[in-house]
């Protein structure tokens, strides 16, 4: 059984691989499928899907059969009781007009926030403008990781961690939170696009079991269909905990590496920290739920 990876990022958000490069790398890693789930954008989906189709059409039949399925996805940034919560959407209709309208609102709110953060960084002695940032990272949804890379490449800091510790981390002087939708609204948005809403990496939120259970119960009521029970950084007992939660609320099991390329250099596509394995048979259940 070949592995799959249902949580992957490209240069269109805060990864370092182009969508086409991800397809090539997924071929090299022997994946049966991967979901491109960039933050709040679908900009890389057309390229990845078209490139995979081109490979299947041009390669010999035996090699073409090994080209992975590219699952159209997204990772939405939401907020719950002051905490950042991410919702992954799998098999979304990324051409849905209503869905695209809401995504544009996400982009607009990011732009306002990014201009304000650039101004704060300037006040702290860093020569950065929003225009320079977007020129350095064309076609990307600008995140704090981009600020960190820009500052490191221009000699203001020595590491990505330093950028977050001193400038753009939560509660740091140059950080401005962005207006976000709730996780339940994220679920509704993914359902609007005909997708499968999945609660991403719940262990990372460091909630008590009671609080996480309450969140999942609320999201199930809103239409949540899956939960990320297999993830790069989970320990065995954490995976068991999330699987038990999935069983309690009749949720699909999803899993992924959260691959970002060089921006998370220890996390590899398909294998995470080295021990990750998301089995292909999970995909059949997800497809069945969509149909």
Protein backbone atom coordinates (compact mmCIF):
# COMPACT_ATOMS: atom_id res chain seq x y z
CA UNK A 1 0.00 0.00 0.00
CA UNK A 2 1.40 3.37 -1.01
CA UNK A 3 1.42 6.36 1.35
CA UNK A 4 -0.57 9.55 0.93
CA UNK A 5 -0.11 13.03 2.40
CA UNK A 6 -3.19 15.16 3.02
CA UNK A 7 -1.49 18.31 4.35
CA UNK A 8 1.07 19.95 2.06
CA UNK A 9 2.14 23.56 1.33
CA UNK A 10 3.68 25.21 -1.73
CA UNK A 11 5.29 28.56 -2.50
CA UNK A 12 1.78 29.93 -3.01
CA UNK A 13 1.60 30.25 0.79
CA UNK A 14 4.58 29.56 3.05
CA UNK A 15 6.24 26.53 1.47
CA UNK A 16 9.36 26.60 -0.71
CA UNK A 17 8.39 24.21 -3.54
CA UNK A 18 6.36 25.28 -6.56
CA UNK A 19 3.18 23.26 -7.14
CA UNK A 20 4.83 21.45 -10.07
CA UNK A 21 7.91 20.67 -8.00
CA UNK A 22 5.64 19.15 -5.36
CA UNK A 23 4.19 16.78 -7.96
CA UNK A 24 7.68 15.72 -9.04
CA UNK A 25 8.76 15.24 -5.44
CA UNK A 26 5.61 13.25 -4.62
CA UNK A 27 6.45 10.98 -7.57
CA UNK A 28 9.96 10.52 -6.21
CA UNK A 29 8.60 9.73 -2.73
CA UNK A 30 6.17 7.16 -4.13
CA UNK A 31 2.99 8.85 -2.91
CA UNK A 32 -0.37 7.66 -4.24
CA UNK A 33 -1.87 11.10 -3.58
CA UNK A 34 -1.25 14.40 -1.86
CA UNK A 35 -3.48 17.32 -0.96
CA UNK A 36 -2.21 20.81 -1.70
CA UNK A 37 -3.54 22.77 1.29
CA UNK A 38 -2.00 26.22 1.13
CA UNK A 39 -3.00 28.81 3.72
CA UNK A 40 -6.14 30.68 2.70
CA UNK A 41 -5.42 30.38 -1.04
CA UNK A 42 -6.10 28.06 -3.95
CA UNK A 43 -3.59 29.74 -6.27
CA UNK A 44 -1.38 26.66 -6.70
CA UNK A 45 -4.11 24.13 -7.46
CA UNK A 46 -4.49 24.69 -11.20
CA UNK A 47 -0.74 24.34 -11.76
CA UNK A 48 -0.35 21.19 -9.67
CA UNK A 49 -3.39 19.43 -11.14
CA UNK A 50 -2.52 20.40 -14.74
CA UNK A 51 1.11 19.35 -14.33
CA UNK A 52 0.14 15.95 -12.92
CA UNK A 53 -2.28 15.46 -15.82
CA UNK A 54 0.48 16.38 -18.30
CA UNK A 55 2.81 13.80 -16.75
CA UNK A 56 0.17 11.08 -17.05
CA UNK A 57 -0.40 11.98 -20.68
CA UNK A 58 3.28 12.00 -21.67
CA UNK A 59 4.90 9.25 -19.60
CA UNK A 60 4.82 5.55 -20.51
CA UNK A 61 1.73 3.84 -19.11
CA UNK A 62 3.62 2.06 -16.34
CA UNK A 63 5.17 5.32 -15.07
CA UNK A 64 1.99 7.35 -15.65
CA UNK A 65 0.11 5.03 -13.29
CA UNK A 66 2.48 6.07 -10.51
CA UNK A 67 1.86 9.82 -10.84
CA UNK A 68 0.07 10.81 -7.61
CA UNK A 69 -3.44 12.18 -7.47
CA UNK A 70 -3.43 15.88 -6.63
CA UNK A 71 -6.28 16.59 -4.22
CA UNK A 72 -7.54 20.18 -4.34
CA UNK A 73 -7.43 21.54 -0.82
CA UNK A 74 -6.93 24.53 1.42
CA UNK A 75 -6.00 25.32 5.03
CA UNK A 76 -8.16 28.06 6.54
CA UNK A 77 -6.95 30.21 9.44
CA UNK A 78 -9.62 30.56 12.12
CA UNK A 79 -9.85 31.62 15.74
CA UNK A 80 -11.53 29.93 18.71
CA UNK A 81 -11.56 31.53 22.16
CA UNK A 82 -8.38 33.43 21.39
CA UNK A 83 -6.53 30.44 19.91
CA UNK A 84 -5.48 29.93 16.29
CA UNK A 85 -7.26 26.90 14.84
CA UNK A 86 -6.70 25.59 11.32
CA UNK A 87 -9.33 23.88 9.19
CA UNK A 88 -8.24 21.79 6.20
CA UNK A 89 -10.61 21.38 3.27
CA UNK A 90 -10.15 18.33 1.01
CA UNK A 91 -11.63 17.88 -2.46
CA UNK A 92 -12.90 21.44 -2.61
CA UNK A 93 -14.47 22.93 -5.72
CA UNK A 94 -11.91 25.70 -6.01
CA UNK A 95 -13.85 27.43 -8.79
CA UNK A 96 -17.01 27.91 -6.71
CA UNK A 97 -17.90 31.65 -7.01
CA UNK A 98 -19.18 32.07 -3.44
CA UNK A 99 -16.13 30.31 -2.06
CA UNK A 100 -13.78 32.52 -4.10
CA UNK A 101 -15.58 35.63 -2.92
CA UNK A 102 -14.96 34.70 0.71
CA UNK A 103 -11.31 33.88 -0.03
CA UNK A 104 -10.85 37.35 -1.51
CA UNK A 105 -12.06 38.81 1.78
CA UNK A 106 -9.33 36.75 3.51
CA UNK A 107 -6.71 38.18 1.14
CA UNK A 108 -7.92 41.74 1.61
CA UNK A 109 -7.73 41.45 5.41
CA UNK A 110 -4.20 40.02 5.15
CA UNK A 111 -3.09 42.96 2.99
CA UNK A 112 -4.28 45.56 5.51
CA UNK A 113 -2.60 43.68 8.34
CA UNK A 114 0.66 43.23 6.43
CA UNK A 115 0.96 46.93 5.62
CA UNK A 116 0.54 47.76 9.32
CA UNK A 117 3.16 45.17 10.32
CA UNK A 118 5.64 46.60 7.82
CA UNK A 119 5.12 50.04 9.36
CA UNK A 120 5.82 48.68 12.85
CA UNK A 121 8.97 46.91 11.66
CA UNK A 122 10.18 50.16 10.09
CA UNK A 123 9.68 51.87 13.45
CA UNK A 124 11.93 49.16 14.95
CA UNK A 125 14.76 49.86 12.53
CA UNK A 126 14.02 47.33 9.79
CA UNK A 127 13.84 48.71 6.27
CA UNK A 128 10.89 46.75 4.90
CA UNK A 129 7.84 47.70 2.87
CA UNK A 130 4.84 45.66 1.79
CA UNK A 131 5.84 46.24 -1.84
CA UNK A 132 9.37 44.91 -1.20
CA UNK A 133 7.94 41.89 0.61
CA UNK A 134 5.57 40.97 -2.21
CA UNK A 135 8.33 41.52 -4.77
CA UNK A 136 10.60 39.15 -2.84
CA UNK A 137 7.86 36.51 -2.62
CA UNK A 138 5.74 36.89 -5.78
CA UNK A 139 2.42 35.03 -5.97
CA UNK A 140 2.65 33.97 -2.31
CA UNK A 141 0.14 34.58 0.46
CA UNK A 142 2.36 36.59 2.81
CA UNK A 143 2.69 35.06 6.28
CA UNK A 144 4.99 35.72 9.22
CA UNK A 145 7.40 33.13 7.82
CA UNK A 146 7.94 35.43 4.84
CA UNK A 147 8.80 38.36 7.13
CA UNK A 148 11.29 36.15 8.94
CA UNK A 149 12.94 35.01 5.70
CA UNK A 150 13.13 38.56 4.39
CA UNK A 151 14.75 39.84 7.57
CA UNK A 152 17.24 36.98 7.64
CA UNK A 153 18.16 37.41 3.96
CA UNK A 154 18.74 41.14 4.55
CA UNK A 155 20.92 40.62 7.61
CA UNK A 156 18.60 41.93 10.33
CA UNK A 157 18.45 38.59 12.15
CA UNK A 158 20.47 35.37 12.22
CA UNK A 159 17.62 32.83 12.29
CA UNK A 160 13.92 32.41 11.60
CA UNK A 161 13.40 31.78 15.31
CA UNK A 162 14.93 35.15 16.17
CA UNK A 163 12.37 36.92 13.97
CA UNK A 164 9.54 35.29 15.88
CA UNK A 165 11.17 35.77 19.28
CA UNK A 166 11.94 39.48 18.79
CA UNK A 167 9.56 40.87 16.20
CA UNK A 168 6.65 38.95 14.69
CA UNK A 169 5.80 36.21 17.20
CA UNK A 170 2.59 36.35 19.21
CA UNK A 171 2.74 39.27 21.69
CA UNK A 172 5.88 40.68 20.03
CA UNK A 173 6.01 44.42 19.25
CA UNK A 174 5.57 44.12 15.46
CA UNK A 175 2.83 41.48 15.43
CA UNK A 176 -0.72 42.42 14.49
CA UNK A 177 -3.37 39.70 14.64
CA UNK A 178 -5.59 39.37 11.60
CA UNK A 179 -9.36 39.28 11.78
CA UNK A 180 -10.33 35.64 11.46
CA UNK A 181 -13.45 33.59 11.03
CA UNK A 182 -14.45 31.00 13.60
CA UNK A 183 -13.69 27.29 13.05
CA UNK A 184 -17.42 26.65 12.57
CA UNK A 185 -17.49 29.29 9.83
CA UNK A 186 -14.45 27.59 8.30
CA UNK A 187 -16.36 24.30 8.24
CA UNK A 188 -19.30 26.01 6.56
CA UNK A 189 -17.04 27.63 3.96
CA UNK A 190 -15.44 24.29 3.05
CA UNK A 191 -18.88 22.65 2.82
CA UNK A 192 -19.97 25.54 0.57
CA UNK A 193 -17.16 24.51 -1.79
CA UNK A 194 -18.31 20.88 -1.70
CA UNK A 195 -15.27 19.81 0.31
CA UNK A 196 -14.52 17.60 3.30
CA UNK A 197 -13.82 19.78 6.38
CA UNK A 198 -11.04 18.41 8.61
CA UNK A 199 -9.78 19.77 11.93
CA UNK A 200 -6.02 20.14 11.41
CA UNK A 201 -3.37 18.97 13.93
CA UNK A 202 -5.54 19.31 17.08
CA UNK A 203 -2.71 18.25 19.43
CA UNK A 204 -0.78 21.39 18.46
CA UNK A 205 -3.42 23.60 20.10
CA UNK A 206 -2.39 22.30 23.53
CA UNK A 207 -5.98 22.25 24.77
CA UNK A 208 -7.20 20.22 27.71
CA UNK A 209 -9.09 17.08 26.70
CA UNK A 210 -12.31 18.69 27.91
CA UNK A 211 -11.80 21.84 25.84
CA UNK A 212 -10.79 19.94 22.71
CA UNK A 213 -13.81 17.67 23.10
CA UNK A 214 -16.05 20.73 23.34
CA UNK A 215 -14.51 22.22 20.19
CA UNK A 216 -14.94 18.99 18.24
CA UNK A 217 -18.55 18.65 19.43
CA UNK A 218 -19.28 22.20 18.29
CA UNK A 219 -17.64 21.63 14.91
CA UNK A 220 -19.42 18.30 14.40
CA UNK A 221 -22.68 20.18 14.86
CA UNK A 222 -21.52 22.63 12.16
CA UNK A 223 -20.71 19.78 9.75
CA UNK A 224 -17.14 18.70 10.56
CA UNK A 225 -16.37 15.45 8.73
CA UNK A 226 -12.77 14.61 9.61
CA UNK A 227 -9.89 15.12 12.01
CA UNK A 228 -6.11 14.95 11.51
CA UNK A 229 -5.25 11.93 13.64
CA UNK A 230 -1.93 11.15 11.91
CA UNK A 231 0.62 13.96 11.92
CA UNK A 232 4.38 14.48 11.74
CA UNK A 233 4.96 15.45 15.36
CA UNK A 234 2.42 13.23 17.14
CA UNK A 235 3.52 10.63 19.65
CA UNK A 236 1.73 7.28 19.72
CA UNK A 237 -0.45 8.22 22.69
CA UNK A 238 -1.48 11.47 20.99
CA UNK A 239 -2.56 9.66 17.84
CA UNK A 240 -4.59 7.26 20.01
CA UNK A 241 -6.25 10.21 21.73
CA UNK A 242 -7.33 11.77 18.44
CA UNK A 243 -8.47 8.44 17.02
CA UNK A 244 -10.67 7.97 20.08
CA UNK A 245 -12.12 11.43 19.53
CA UNK A 246 -12.76 10.56 15.88
CA UNK A 247 -14.60 7.39 16.92
CA UNK A 248 -16.67 9.26 19.50
CA UNK A 249 -17.89 11.81 16.96
CA UNK A 250 -17.93 9.52 13.90
CA UNK A 251 -15.24 11.48 12.06
CA UNK A 252 -13.05 10.44 9.17
CA UNK A 253 -9.36 9.93 9.89
CA UNK A 254 -7.04 12.22 7.97
CA UNK A 255 -3.30 12.67 8.17
CA UNK A 256 -0.41 14.59 6.72
CA UNK A 257 3.10 15.85 7.11
CA UNK A 258 2.41 19.61 6.98
CA UNK A 259 5.30 19.78 4.52
CA UNK A 260 6.74 23.28 3.90
CA UNK A 261 10.03 22.42 2.22
CA UNK A 262 13.00 24.41 3.56
CA UNK A 263 10.74 26.43 5.86
CA UNK A 264 10.29 23.30 8.00
CA UNK A 265 13.49 21.52 7.04
CA UNK A 266 13.01 18.57 9.42
CA UNK A 267 9.57 17.70 7.99
CA UNK A 268 9.67 15.68 4.77
CA UNK A 269 6.86 15.04 2.33
CA UNK A 270 5.00 11.85 3.12
CA UNK A 271 7.26 10.79 5.99
CA UNK A 272 7.29 13.83 8.28
CA UNK A 273 10.07 13.39 10.84
CA UNK A 274 10.78 9.96 9.39
CA UNK A 275 8.15 7.75 10.98
CA UNK A 276 4.95 9.18 9.44
CA UNK A 277 2.82 6.86 7.33
CA UNK A 278 -0.65 7.82 6.14
CA UNK A 279 -2.13 4.74 4.41
CA UNK A 280 -3.82 5.02 1.03
CA UNK A 281 -6.94 3.20 2.21
CA UNK A 282 -7.98 6.27 4.24
CA UNK A 283 -8.58 8.06 0.95
CA UNK A 284 -11.28 5.61 -0.16
CA UNK A 285 -13.34 6.47 2.93
CA UNK A 286 -12.87 10.20 2.37
CA UNK A 287 -13.94 9.90 -1.28
CA UNK A 288 -16.94 7.80 -0.29
CA UNK A 289 -18.02 10.49 2.20
CA UNK A 290 -17.77 13.16 -0.48
CA UNK A 291 -19.91 11.15 -2.87
